[in-house]
């Protein structure tokens, strides 16, 4: 489950920045209880551009503030590092 809240949007012509806070709750049902979760929380900065009257995400910066649980639940982690 991915929750994003407290959106703050700044628009300048055809470029927008959106700051937000997030929480992500990951569960791997193939792992035993107590080892099956990874929870993270932090901040996002999305850069959007307007193309033909539509807003499109151009860049995302994620800052992790809190991480709790088994990092192996996140598929991108290998040997404790993100790839």
C-alpha atoms as a PDB file:
ATOM      1  CA  UNK A   1       0.000   0.000   0.000  1.00  0.00           C
ATOM      2  CA  UNK A   2       1.360   3.381  -1.007  1.00  0.00           C
ATOM      3  CA  UNK A   3      -0.037   6.519   0.640  1.00  0.00           C
ATOM      4  CA  UNK A   4       0.904  10.038  -0.474  1.00  0.00           C
ATOM      5  CA  UNK A   5      -0.377  13.104   1.381  1.00  0.00           C
ATOM      6  CA  UNK A   6       0.162  16.811   2.150  1.00  0.00           C
ATOM      7  CA  UNK A   7       0.707  17.766  -1.497  1.00  0.00           C
ATOM      8  CA  UNK A   8       2.183  21.213  -2.042  1.00  0.00           C
ATOM      9  CA  UNK A   9       2.170  22.270  -5.696  1.00  0.00           C
ATOM     10  CA  UNK A  10       4.061  25.185  -7.235  1.00  0.00           C
ATOM     11  CA  UNK A  11       3.358  26.016 -10.894  1.00  0.00           C
ATOM     12  CA  UNK A  12       5.471  28.273 -13.094  1.00  0.00           C
ATOM     13  CA  UNK A  13       4.278  28.357 -16.694  1.00  0.00           C
ATOM     14  CA  UNK A  14       4.622  24.790 -18.057  1.00  0.00           C
ATOM     15  CA  UNK A  15       6.600  23.347 -15.130  1.00  0.00           C
ATOM     16  CA  UNK A  16       5.252  22.273 -11.736  1.00  0.00           C
ATOM     17  CA  UNK A  17       6.865  20.910  -8.588  1.00  0.00           C
ATOM     18  CA  UNK A  18       4.839  18.797  -6.175  1.00  0.00           C
ATOM     19  CA  UNK A  19       6.200  18.109  -2.681  1.00  0.00           C
ATOM     20  CA  UNK A  20       4.493  15.407  -0.628  1.00  0.00           C
ATOM     21  CA  UNK A  21       4.904  13.027   2.291  1.00  0.00           C
ATOM     22  CA  UNK A  22       4.511   9.274   1.829  1.00  0.00           C
ATOM     23  CA  UNK A  23       4.212   5.943   3.623  1.00  0.00           C
ATOM     24  CA  UNK A  24       4.722   2.616   1.871  1.00  0.00           C
ATOM     25  CA  UNK A  25       3.741  -0.671   3.483  1.00  0.00           C
ATOM     26  CA  UNK A  26       5.104  -3.762   1.735  1.00  0.00           C
ATOM     27  CA  UNK A  27       4.203  -7.356   2.604  1.00  0.00           C
ATOM     28  CA  UNK A  28       5.672 -10.558   1.166  1.00  0.00           C
ATOM     29  CA  UNK A  29       3.211 -13.359   2.004  1.00  0.00           C
ATOM     30  CA  UNK A  30       5.831 -16.002   1.142  1.00  0.00           C
ATOM     31  CA  UNK A  31       7.911 -15.043   4.202  1.00  0.00           C
ATOM     32  CA  UNK A  32       7.257 -15.967   7.813  1.00  0.00           C
ATOM     33  CA  UNK A  33       5.441 -13.574  10.123  1.00  0.00           C
ATOM     34  CA  UNK A  34       7.805 -10.975  11.559  1.00  0.00           C
ATOM     35  CA  UNK A  35      10.018 -11.155   8.463  1.00  0.00           C
ATOM     36  CA  UNK A  36       7.329 -10.406   5.888  1.00  0.00           C
ATOM     37  CA  UNK A  37       7.094  -6.573   6.078  1.00  0.00           C
ATOM     38  CA  UNK A  38       9.026  -3.495   5.057  1.00  0.00           C
ATOM     39  CA  UNK A  39       7.635  -0.065   5.934  1.00  0.00           C
ATOM     40  CA  UNK A  40       9.130   3.182   4.646  1.00  0.00           C
ATOM     41  CA  UNK A  41       8.171   6.825   5.021  1.00  0.00           C
ATOM     42  CA  UNK A  42       9.617  10.062   3.743  1.00  0.00           C
ATOM     43  CA  UNK A  43       9.198  12.772   1.138  1.00  0.00           C
ATOM     44  CA  UNK A  44       8.695  12.983  -2.602  1.00  0.00           C
ATOM     45  CA  UNK A  45       9.498  15.784  -4.994  1.00  0.00           C
ATOM     46  CA  UNK A  46       7.783  15.315  -8.359  1.00  0.00           C
ATOM     47  CA  UNK A  47       8.662  17.560 -11.308  1.00  0.00           C
ATOM     48  CA  UNK A  48       5.912  17.797 -13.897  1.00  0.00           C
ATOM     49  CA  UNK A  49       5.846  19.373 -17.345  1.00  0.00           C
ATOM     50  CA  UNK A  50       2.826  20.398 -19.390  1.00  0.00           C
ATOM     51  CA  UNK A  51       2.715  18.721 -22.813  1.00  0.00           C
ATOM     52  CA  UNK A  52      -0.255  19.400 -25.092  1.00  0.00           C
ATOM     53  CA  UNK A  53      -2.459  20.556 -22.191  1.00  0.00           C
ATOM     54  CA  UNK A  54      -1.600  17.459 -20.087  1.00  0.00           C
ATOM     55  CA  UNK A  55       0.682  17.321 -17.038  1.00  0.00           C
ATOM     56  CA  UNK A  56       3.316  14.570 -17.194  1.00  0.00           C
ATOM     57  CA  UNK A  57       5.788  13.483 -14.537  1.00  0.00           C
ATOM     58  CA  UNK A  58       9.297  14.363 -15.702  1.00  0.00           C
ATOM     59  CA  UNK A  59      11.311  13.466 -12.576  1.00  0.00           C
ATOM     60  CA  UNK A  60      10.852  12.005  -9.097  1.00  0.00           C
ATOM     61  CA  UNK A  61      13.127  12.403  -6.084  1.00  0.00           C
ATOM     62  CA  UNK A  62      12.377  10.141  -3.128  1.00  0.00           C
ATOM     63  CA  UNK A  63      13.928  10.838   0.270  1.00  0.00           C
ATOM     64  CA  UNK A  64      13.573   7.998   2.780  1.00  0.00           C
ATOM     65  CA  UNK A  65      13.275   9.258   6.369  1.00  0.00           C
ATOM     66  CA  UNK A  66      12.152   6.051   8.128  1.00  0.00           C
ATOM     67  CA  UNK A  67      12.703   2.420   7.120  1.00  0.00           C
ATOM     68  CA  UNK A  68      11.594  -0.443   9.321  1.00  0.00           C
ATOM     69  CA  UNK A  69      11.449  -4.175   8.695  1.00  0.00           C
ATOM     70  CA  UNK A  70      13.036  -6.696   6.384  1.00  0.00           C
ATOM     71  CA  UNK A  71      14.776  -4.958   3.474  1.00  0.00           C
ATOM     72  CA  UNK A  72      14.627  -8.156   1.418  1.00  0.00           C
ATOM     73  CA  UNK A  73      10.861  -7.597   1.038  1.00  0.00           C
ATOM     74  CA  UNK A  74      11.744  -4.740  -1.340  1.00  0.00           C
ATOM     75  CA  UNK A  75      12.690  -6.454  -4.596  1.00  0.00           C
ATOM     76  CA  UNK A  76      15.340  -3.842  -5.471  1.00  0.00           C
ATOM     77  CA  UNK A  77      17.466  -4.500  -2.369  1.00  0.00           C
ATOM     78  CA  UNK A  78      20.364  -6.925  -2.707  1.00  0.00           C
ATOM     79  CA  UNK A  79      22.955  -7.337   0.044  1.00  0.00           C
ATOM     80  CA  UNK A  80      21.424  -4.375   1.914  1.00  0.00           C
ATOM     81  CA  UNK A  81      21.936  -1.997  -1.033  1.00  0.00           C
ATOM     82  CA  UNK A  82      19.377  -0.649  -3.445  1.00  0.00           C
ATOM     83  CA  UNK A  83      20.029  -1.196  -7.148  1.00  0.00           C
END
